[in-house]
Amino acid sequence: MRSLTLFLMCAAGVLLSTLALAQPAGRPGRRMYDPTTEVTVKGTIDDVQQMAHGRRMMGTHVMLKTDAGTLDVHLGPSSFLSKKGFTLAKGDQIEVTGSKVKYSGADALIAREVKKGDKTLTLRDKNGVPEWAGTGRRPTD
């Protein structure tokens, strides 16, 4: 009986270790959002991209030309932007506040708030918790 228990514990440990190592490194979102790296940048959208995040979700990214260079801005689920009636297109002038991070070896920005003209879209709260997360998934701290 002890050997069966030991075997099951070892198998569970190997399985959990494998799952932890299989998690994608540098995945954007709340885990990477760091309020201490928050910046505000202004620029012109050079490209709007729909990127697959997981099997069912499409995320919207914009390539933003700023005075300091081009920055990949991670906004959030395309469905969330659409639901809010917030559209972005090449050539739009925007201001983005978000957490500056390294993603796939390059500078990127995880957006908390986007301003276009007189419209403002809030994507995350000040701690980086996504607005689309729903009430049951928000931390209480």
N, C-alpha and C. Protein backbone atom coordinates (compact mmCIF):
# COMPACT_ATOMS: atom_id res chain seq x y z
N MET A 1 0.82 -1.19 0.00
CA MET A 1 0.00 0.00 0.00
C MET A 1 0.87 1.26 0.00
N ARG A 2 1.97 1.23 0.77
CA ARG A 2 2.85 2.39 0.81
C ARG A 2 3.47 2.66 -0.55
N SER A 3 3.85 1.61 -1.24
CA SER A 3 4.49 1.81 -2.55
C SER A 3 3.49 2.39 -3.55
N LEU A 4 2.22 2.01 -3.47
CA LEU A 4 1.20 2.58 -4.34
C LEU A 4 1.00 4.06 -4.03
N THR A 5 0.95 4.40 -2.75
CA THR A 5 0.81 5.80 -2.35
C THR A 5 2.00 6.62 -2.82
N LEU A 6 3.20 6.09 -2.63
CA LEU A 6 4.42 6.78 -3.06
C LEU A 6 4.42 6.96 -4.58
N PHE A 7 4.02 5.93 -5.30
CA PHE A 7 3.96 6.01 -6.76
C PHE A 7 2.97 7.09 -7.20
N LEU A 8 1.79 7.12 -6.60
CA LEU A 8 0.78 8.12 -6.96
C LEU A 8 1.25 9.53 -6.64
N MET A 9 1.94 9.71 -5.52
CA MET A 9 2.46 11.02 -5.17
C MET A 9 3.53 11.46 -6.16
N CYS A 10 4.41 10.57 -6.55
CA CYS A 10 5.44 10.90 -7.52
C CYS A 10 4.82 11.23 -8.89
N ALA A 11 3.84 10.44 -9.29
CA ALA A 11 3.18 10.68 -10.58
C ALA A 11 2.49 12.04 -10.58
N ALA A 12 1.83 12.38 -9.46
CA ALA A 12 1.17 13.69 -9.37
C ALA A 12 2.20 14.82 -9.43
N GLY A 13 3.33 14.63 -8.76
CA GLY A 13 4.39 15.65 -8.79
C GLY A 13 4.94 15.86 -10.18
N VAL A 14 5.17 14.77 -10.90
CA VAL A 14 5.67 14.88 -12.28
C VAL A 14 4.64 15.57 -13.16
N LEU A 15 3.37 15.21 -13.02
CA LEU A 15 2.31 15.82 -13.82
C LEU A 15 2.21 17.32 -13.55
N LEU A 16 2.21 17.72 -12.28
CA LEU A 16 2.12 19.14 -11.93
C LEU A 16 3.34 19.92 -12.42
N SER A 17 4.52 19.32 -12.32
CA SER A 17 5.73 19.98 -12.81
C SER A 17 5.68 20.18 -14.31
N THR A 18 5.20 19.17 -15.02
CA THR A 18 5.07 19.26 -16.47
C THR A 18 4.09 20.35 -16.87
N LEU A 19 2.96 20.42 -16.18
CA LEU A 19 1.96 21.45 -16.47
C LEU A 19 2.50 22.85 -16.20
N ALA A 20 3.24 23.00 -15.11
CA ALA A 20 3.80 24.31 -14.78
C ALA A 20 4.80 24.76 -15.84
N LEU A 21 5.64 23.85 -16.29
CA LEU A 21 6.63 24.19 -17.31
C LEU A 21 6.00 24.45 -18.67
N ALA A 22 4.81 23.90 -18.91
CA ALA A 22 4.15 24.06 -20.21
C ALA A 22 3.43 25.39 -20.33
N GLN A 23 3.32 26.15 -19.24
CA GLN A 23 2.64 27.44 -19.32
C GLN A 23 3.45 28.39 -20.18
N PRO A 24 2.80 29.14 -21.07
CA PRO A 24 3.53 30.05 -21.93
C PRO A 24 4.21 31.16 -21.13
N ALA A 25 5.49 31.38 -21.42
CA ALA A 25 6.23 32.45 -20.75
C ALA A 25 5.84 33.79 -21.35
N GLY A 26 5.74 34.79 -20.52
CA GLY A 26 5.48 36.13 -21.01
C GLY A 26 4.07 36.34 -21.55
N ARG A 27 3.13 35.56 -21.06
CA ARG A 27 1.76 35.71 -21.52
C ARG A 27 1.19 37.02 -20.99
N PRO A 28 0.61 37.86 -21.87
CA PRO A 28 0.13 39.15 -21.40
C PRO A 28 -1.08 39.00 -20.50
N GLY A 29 -1.33 40.02 -19.72
CA GLY A 29 -2.51 40.01 -18.87
C GLY A 29 -2.18 40.44 -17.46
N ARG A 30 -3.05 40.10 -16.53
CA ARG A 30 -2.93 40.57 -15.17
C ARG A 30 -1.63 40.13 -14.51
N ARG A 31 -1.18 38.90 -14.76
CA ARG A 31 0.04 38.42 -14.10
C ARG A 31 1.23 39.29 -14.47
N MET A 32 1.25 39.82 -15.68
CA MET A 32 2.38 40.64 -16.10
C MET A 32 2.18 42.11 -15.79
N TYR A 33 0.97 42.53 -15.49
CA TYR A 33 0.71 43.94 -15.27
C TYR A 33 1.35 44.37 -13.96
N ASP A 34 2.20 45.38 -14.05
CA ASP A 34 2.90 45.88 -12.88
C ASP A 34 2.66 47.38 -12.79
N PRO A 35 1.85 47.83 -11.83
CA PRO A 35 1.56 49.26 -11.72
C PRO A 35 2.80 50.13 -11.56
N THR A 36 3.90 49.57 -11.06
CA THR A 36 5.12 50.37 -10.89
C THR A 36 5.82 50.67 -12.21
N THR A 37 5.44 49.98 -13.28
CA THR A 37 6.05 50.26 -14.60
C THR A 37 5.08 51.02 -15.50
N GLU A 38 4.05 51.60 -14.91
CA GLU A 38 3.02 52.27 -15.70
C GLU A 38 3.57 53.55 -16.33
N VAL A 39 3.26 53.71 -17.62
CA VAL A 39 3.65 54.89 -18.39
C VAL A 39 2.46 55.33 -19.23
N THR A 40 2.52 56.55 -19.73
CA THR A 40 1.53 57.05 -20.68
C THR A 40 2.27 57.47 -21.93
N VAL A 41 1.82 56.95 -23.07
CA VAL A 41 2.45 57.25 -24.36
C VAL A 41 1.39 57.74 -25.34
N LYS A 42 1.84 58.58 -26.27
CA LYS A 42 0.98 59.07 -27.34
C LYS A 42 1.62 58.68 -28.66
N GLY A 43 0.75 58.41 -29.63
CA GLY A 43 1.28 58.08 -30.94
C GLY A 43 0.19 57.85 -31.96
N THR A 44 0.65 57.35 -33.12
CA THR A 44 -0.23 57.07 -34.25
C THR A 44 -0.25 55.56 -34.47
N ILE A 45 -1.44 55.02 -34.65
CA ILE A 45 -1.57 53.59 -34.90
C ILE A 45 -1.05 53.27 -36.29
N ASP A 46 -0.07 52.35 -36.34
CA ASP A 46 0.49 51.91 -37.61
C ASP A 46 -0.21 50.65 -38.11
N ASP A 47 -0.73 49.85 -37.16
CA ASP A 47 -1.39 48.60 -37.54
C ASP A 47 -2.28 48.14 -36.40
N VAL A 48 -3.41 47.54 -36.73
CA VAL A 48 -4.30 46.92 -35.75
C VAL A 48 -4.31 45.43 -36.08
N GLN A 49 -4.03 44.60 -35.07
CA GLN A 49 -3.94 43.16 -35.29
C GLN A 49 -4.87 42.42 -34.35
N GLN A 50 -5.46 41.35 -34.87
CA GLN A 50 -6.26 40.44 -34.06
C GLN A 50 -5.40 39.20 -33.85
N MET A 51 -5.06 38.91 -32.61
CA MET A 51 -4.16 37.80 -32.29
C MET A 51 -4.93 36.75 -31.49
N ALA A 52 -4.67 35.49 -31.81
CA ALA A 52 -5.30 34.40 -31.07
C ALA A 52 -4.67 34.28 -29.69
N HIS A 53 -5.50 34.22 -28.67
CA HIS A 53 -5.07 33.99 -27.28
C HIS A 53 -5.87 32.79 -26.79
N GLY A 54 -5.25 31.65 -26.77
CA GLY A 54 -5.98 30.44 -26.43
C GLY A 54 -6.77 29.96 -27.63
N ARG A 55 -7.69 29.07 -27.38
CA ARG A 55 -8.45 28.48 -28.48
C ARG A 55 -9.67 29.29 -28.89
N ARG A 56 -10.21 30.07 -27.96
CA ARG A 56 -11.49 30.72 -28.26
C ARG A 56 -11.45 32.24 -28.26
N MET A 57 -10.36 32.84 -27.84
CA MET A 57 -10.37 34.30 -27.69
C MET A 57 -9.42 34.98 -28.67
N MET A 58 -9.90 36.04 -29.28
CA MET A 58 -9.08 36.89 -30.13
C MET A 58 -8.78 38.16 -29.34
N GLY A 59 -7.52 38.56 -29.35
CA GLY A 59 -7.12 39.78 -28.65
C GLY A 59 -6.72 40.85 -29.65
N THR A 60 -6.97 42.10 -29.30
CA THR A 60 -6.62 43.21 -30.16
C THR A 60 -5.30 43.81 -29.69
N HIS A 61 -4.38 43.96 -30.64
CA HIS A 61 -3.09 44.61 -30.42
C HIS A 61 -3.00 45.75 -31.41
N VAL A 62 -2.30 46.82 -31.05
CA VAL A 62 -1.99 47.86 -32.01
C VAL A 62 -0.49 48.10 -31.99
N MET A 63 0.04 48.36 -33.16
CA MET A 63 1.44 48.79 -33.28
C MET A 63 1.37 50.31 -33.28
N LEU A 64 1.93 50.91 -32.23
CA LEU A 64 1.82 52.35 -32.02
C LEU A 64 3.15 53.02 -32.30
N LYS A 65 3.15 53.94 -33.25
CA LYS A 65 4.36 54.72 -33.55
C LYS A 65 4.40 55.90 -32.58
N THR A 66 5.47 55.94 -31.78
CA THR A 66 5.68 57.02 -30.83
C THR A 66 6.98 57.73 -31.18
N ASP A 67 7.28 58.81 -30.48
CA ASP A 67 8.55 59.51 -30.67
C ASP A 67 9.74 58.61 -30.37
N ALA A 68 9.55 57.64 -29.48
CA ALA A 68 10.64 56.75 -29.07
C ALA A 68 10.74 55.49 -29.91
N GLY A 69 9.82 55.29 -30.86
CA GLY A 69 9.82 54.08 -31.69
C GLY A 69 8.45 53.45 -31.73
N THR A 70 8.38 52.25 -32.30
CA THR A 70 7.11 51.54 -32.41
C THR A 70 6.95 50.59 -31.24
N LEU A 71 5.76 50.56 -30.68
CA LEU A 71 5.47 49.78 -29.49
C LEU A 71 4.27 48.88 -29.73
N ASP A 72 4.39 47.62 -29.34
CA ASP A 72 3.27 46.67 -29.41
C ASP A 72 2.40 46.89 -28.19
N VAL A 73 1.16 47.32 -28.41
CA VAL A 73 0.24 47.59 -27.31
C VAL A 73 -0.81 46.49 -27.25
N HIS A 74 -0.85 45.79 -26.13
CA HIS A 74 -1.81 44.71 -25.89
C HIS A 74 -3.03 45.32 -25.23
N LEU A 75 -4.16 45.31 -25.94
CA LEU A 75 -5.36 45.94 -25.42
C LEU A 75 -6.21 44.98 -24.61
N GLY A 76 -6.75 43.95 -25.24
CA GLY A 76 -7.63 43.01 -24.57
C GLY A 76 -8.45 42.26 -25.59
N PRO A 77 -9.43 41.49 -25.13
CA PRO A 77 -10.26 40.71 -26.05
C PRO A 77 -10.97 41.60 -27.06
N SER A 78 -10.92 41.20 -28.31
CA SER A 78 -11.57 41.95 -29.39
C SER A 78 -13.06 42.10 -29.11
N SER A 79 -13.67 41.08 -28.52
CA SER A 79 -15.11 41.13 -28.22
C SER A 79 -15.41 42.21 -27.19
N PHE A 80 -14.50 42.44 -26.24
CA PHE A 80 -14.70 43.47 -25.22
C PHE A 80 -14.69 44.86 -25.87
N LEU A 81 -13.71 45.11 -26.75
CA LEU A 81 -13.64 46.40 -27.43
C LEU A 81 -14.88 46.63 -28.28
N SER A 82 -15.30 45.58 -28.96
CA SER A 82 -16.48 45.67 -29.82
C SER A 82 -17.74 45.96 -28.99
N LYS A 83 -17.87 45.26 -27.87
CA LYS A 83 -19.03 45.45 -26.99
C LYS A 83 -19.10 46.88 -26.48
N LYS A 84 -17.93 47.49 -26.24
CA LYS A 84 -17.87 48.86 -25.74
C LYS A 84 -18.00 49.88 -26.87
N GLY A 85 -18.06 49.40 -28.13
CA GLY A 85 -18.20 50.30 -29.27
C GLY A 85 -16.95 51.13 -29.54
N PHE A 86 -15.81 50.61 -29.13
CA PHE A 86 -14.54 51.32 -29.28
C PHE A 86 -13.79 50.75 -30.48
N THR A 87 -13.61 51.56 -31.49
CA THR A 87 -12.92 51.10 -32.70
C THR A 87 -11.60 51.84 -32.87
N LEU A 88 -10.64 51.12 -33.40
CA LEU A 88 -9.33 51.68 -33.67
C LEU A 88 -8.93 51.31 -35.09
N ALA A 89 -8.24 52.24 -35.76
CA ALA A 89 -7.82 52.00 -37.14
C ALA A 89 -6.46 52.63 -37.38
N LYS A 90 -5.79 52.14 -38.40
CA LYS A 90 -4.51 52.69 -38.80
C LYS A 90 -4.67 54.20 -39.02
N GLY A 91 -3.72 54.97 -38.48
CA GLY A 91 -3.76 56.42 -38.61
C GLY A 91 -4.39 57.14 -37.44
N ASP A 92 -5.12 56.41 -36.58
CA ASP A 92 -5.73 57.05 -35.40
C ASP A 92 -4.64 57.54 -34.45
N GLN A 93 -4.86 58.72 -33.87
CA GLN A 93 -4.01 59.27 -32.82
C GLN A 93 -4.59 58.83 -31.49
N ILE A 94 -3.78 58.16 -30.67
CA ILE A 94 -4.28 57.70 -29.37
C ILE A 94 -3.26 57.99 -28.27
N GLU A 95 -3.77 57.95 -27.04
CA GLU A 95 -2.94 58.03 -25.84
C GLU A 95 -3.23 56.78 -25.03
N VAL A 96 -2.18 56.09 -24.62
CA VAL A 96 -2.35 54.83 -23.89
C VAL A 96 -1.61 54.90 -22.57
N THR A 97 -2.29 54.50 -21.50
CA THR A 97 -1.66 54.33 -20.19
C THR A 97 -1.64 52.84 -19.91
N GLY A 98 -0.46 52.35 -19.53
CA GLY A 98 -0.36 50.92 -19.26
C GLY A 98 0.98 50.54 -18.67
N SER A 99 1.15 49.26 -18.45
CA SER A 99 2.35 48.71 -17.85
C SER A 99 3.33 48.31 -18.94
N LYS A 100 4.54 48.88 -18.88
CA LYS A 100 5.57 48.56 -19.86
C LYS A 100 6.23 47.25 -19.44
N VAL A 101 6.27 46.29 -20.35
CA VAL A 101 6.80 44.96 -20.06
C VAL A 101 7.68 44.49 -21.21
N LYS A 102 8.39 43.40 -20.99
CA LYS A 102 9.10 42.71 -22.05
C LYS A 102 8.22 41.54 -22.48
N TYR A 103 7.96 41.42 -23.77
CA TYR A 103 7.14 40.34 -24.30
C TYR A 103 7.84 39.80 -25.53
N SER A 104 8.20 38.54 -25.49
CA SER A 104 8.95 37.89 -26.57
C SER A 104 10.23 38.68 -26.89
N GLY A 105 10.87 39.20 -25.84
CA GLY A 105 12.14 39.89 -25.99
C GLY A 105 12.07 41.34 -26.42
N ALA A 106 10.88 41.87 -26.63
CA ALA A 106 10.73 43.26 -27.07
C ALA A 106 9.88 44.04 -26.09
N ASP A 107 10.03 45.37 -26.11
CA ASP A 107 9.18 46.23 -25.28
C ASP A 107 7.74 46.14 -25.76
N ALA A 108 6.83 46.07 -24.81
CA ALA A 108 5.40 46.04 -25.11
C ALA A 108 4.69 46.81 -24.00
N LEU A 109 3.44 47.12 -24.24
CA LEU A 109 2.64 47.84 -23.27
C LEU A 109 1.32 47.10 -23.08
N ILE A 110 1.02 46.75 -21.84
CA ILE A 110 -0.28 46.16 -21.52
C ILE A 110 -1.18 47.33 -21.13
N ALA A 111 -2.13 47.65 -21.97
CA ALA A 111 -2.93 48.85 -21.80
C ALA A 111 -3.92 48.74 -20.65
N ARG A 112 -4.00 49.83 -19.88
CA ARG A 112 -5.02 49.97 -18.84
C ARG A 112 -6.12 50.91 -19.31
N GLU A 113 -5.72 51.92 -20.08
CA GLU A 113 -6.68 52.91 -20.55
C GLU A 113 -6.22 53.44 -21.91
N VAL A 114 -7.18 53.63 -22.81
CA VAL A 114 -6.89 54.16 -24.14
C VAL A 114 -7.79 55.36 -24.38
N LYS A 115 -7.18 56.46 -24.84
CA LYS A 115 -7.94 57.67 -25.18
C LYS A 115 -7.80 57.92 -26.68
N LYS A 116 -8.94 58.12 -27.31
CA LYS A 116 -8.98 58.47 -28.73
C LYS A 116 -9.97 59.63 -28.87
N GLY A 117 -9.43 60.79 -29.21
CA GLY A 117 -10.30 61.97 -29.26
C GLY A 117 -10.89 62.24 -27.90
N ASP A 118 -12.22 62.36 -27.83
CA ASP A 118 -12.87 62.61 -26.55
C ASP A 118 -13.39 61.34 -25.89
N LYS A 119 -13.04 60.17 -26.46
CA LYS A 119 -13.48 58.89 -25.89
C LYS A 119 -12.34 58.24 -25.09
N THR A 120 -12.71 57.65 -23.96
CA THR A 120 -11.76 56.92 -23.14
C THR A 120 -12.31 55.52 -22.88
N LEU A 121 -11.46 54.51 -23.11
CA LEU A 121 -11.84 53.13 -22.82
C LEU A 121 -10.96 52.62 -21.69
N THR A 122 -11.59 52.21 -20.59
CA THR A 122 -10.85 51.62 -19.48
C THR A 122 -10.85 50.11 -19.66
N LEU A 123 -9.66 49.53 -19.73
CA LEU A 123 -9.50 48.10 -19.95
C LEU A 123 -9.21 47.34 -18.66
N ARG A 124 -8.48 47.98 -17.76
CA ARG A 124 -8.09 47.35 -16.50
C ARG A 124 -8.18 48.39 -15.39
N ASP A 125 -8.29 47.89 -14.15
CA ASP A 125 -8.26 48.82 -13.03
C ASP A 125 -6.80 49.17 -12.73
N LYS A 126 -6.56 49.98 -11.71
CA LYS A 126 -5.20 50.46 -11.39
C LYS A 126 -4.24 49.34 -11.01
N ASN A 127 -4.78 48.18 -10.61
CA ASN A 127 -3.94 47.03 -10.27
C ASN A 127 -3.73 46.08 -11.46
N GLY A 128 -4.38 46.38 -12.57
CA GLY A 128 -4.23 45.55 -13.75
C GLY A 128 -5.29 44.49 -13.92
N VAL A 129 -6.29 44.48 -13.05
CA VAL A 129 -7.36 43.49 -13.17
C VAL A 129 -8.24 43.86 -14.36
N PRO A 130 -8.40 42.95 -15.32
CA PRO A 130 -9.18 43.25 -16.52
C PRO A 130 -10.65 43.53 -16.22
N GLU A 131 -11.21 44.51 -16.91
CA GLU A 131 -12.62 44.85 -16.76
C GLU A 131 -13.53 43.72 -17.26
N TRP A 132 -13.06 42.91 -18.18
CA TRP A 132 -13.86 41.82 -18.73
C TRP A 132 -13.82 40.57 -17.86
N ALA A 133 -13.07 40.60 -16.73
CA ALA A 133 -12.89 39.41 -15.91
C ALA A 133 -14.18 38.97 -15.23
N GLY A 134 -15.12 39.86 -15.01
CA GLY A 134 -16.36 39.47 -14.34
C GLY A 134 -16.21 39.58 -12.83
N THR A 135 -17.31 39.74 -12.17
CA THR A 135 -17.29 40.00 -10.73
C THR A 135 -16.81 38.82 -9.93
N GLY A 136 -17.05 37.59 -10.38
CA GLY A 136 -16.64 36.42 -9.60
C GLY A 136 -15.16 36.16 -9.63
N ARG A 137 -14.43 36.76 -10.56
CA ARG A 137 -13.02 36.46 -10.70
C ARG A 137 -12.11 37.57 -10.20
N ARG A 138 -12.65 38.64 -9.69
CA ARG A 138 -11.82 39.75 -9.23
C ARG A 138 -11.31 39.48 -7.82
N PRO A 139 -10.05 39.76 -7.59
CA PRO A 139 -9.53 39.59 -6.23
C PRO A 139 -10.12 40.63 -5.30
N THR A 140 -10.16 40.32 -4.03
CA THR A 140 -10.78 41.22 -3.06
C THR A 140 -9.76 42.05 -2.32
N ASP A 141 -8.46 41.91 -2.62
CA ASP A 141 -7.43 42.65 -1.87
C ASP A 141 -7.37 44.10 -2.22
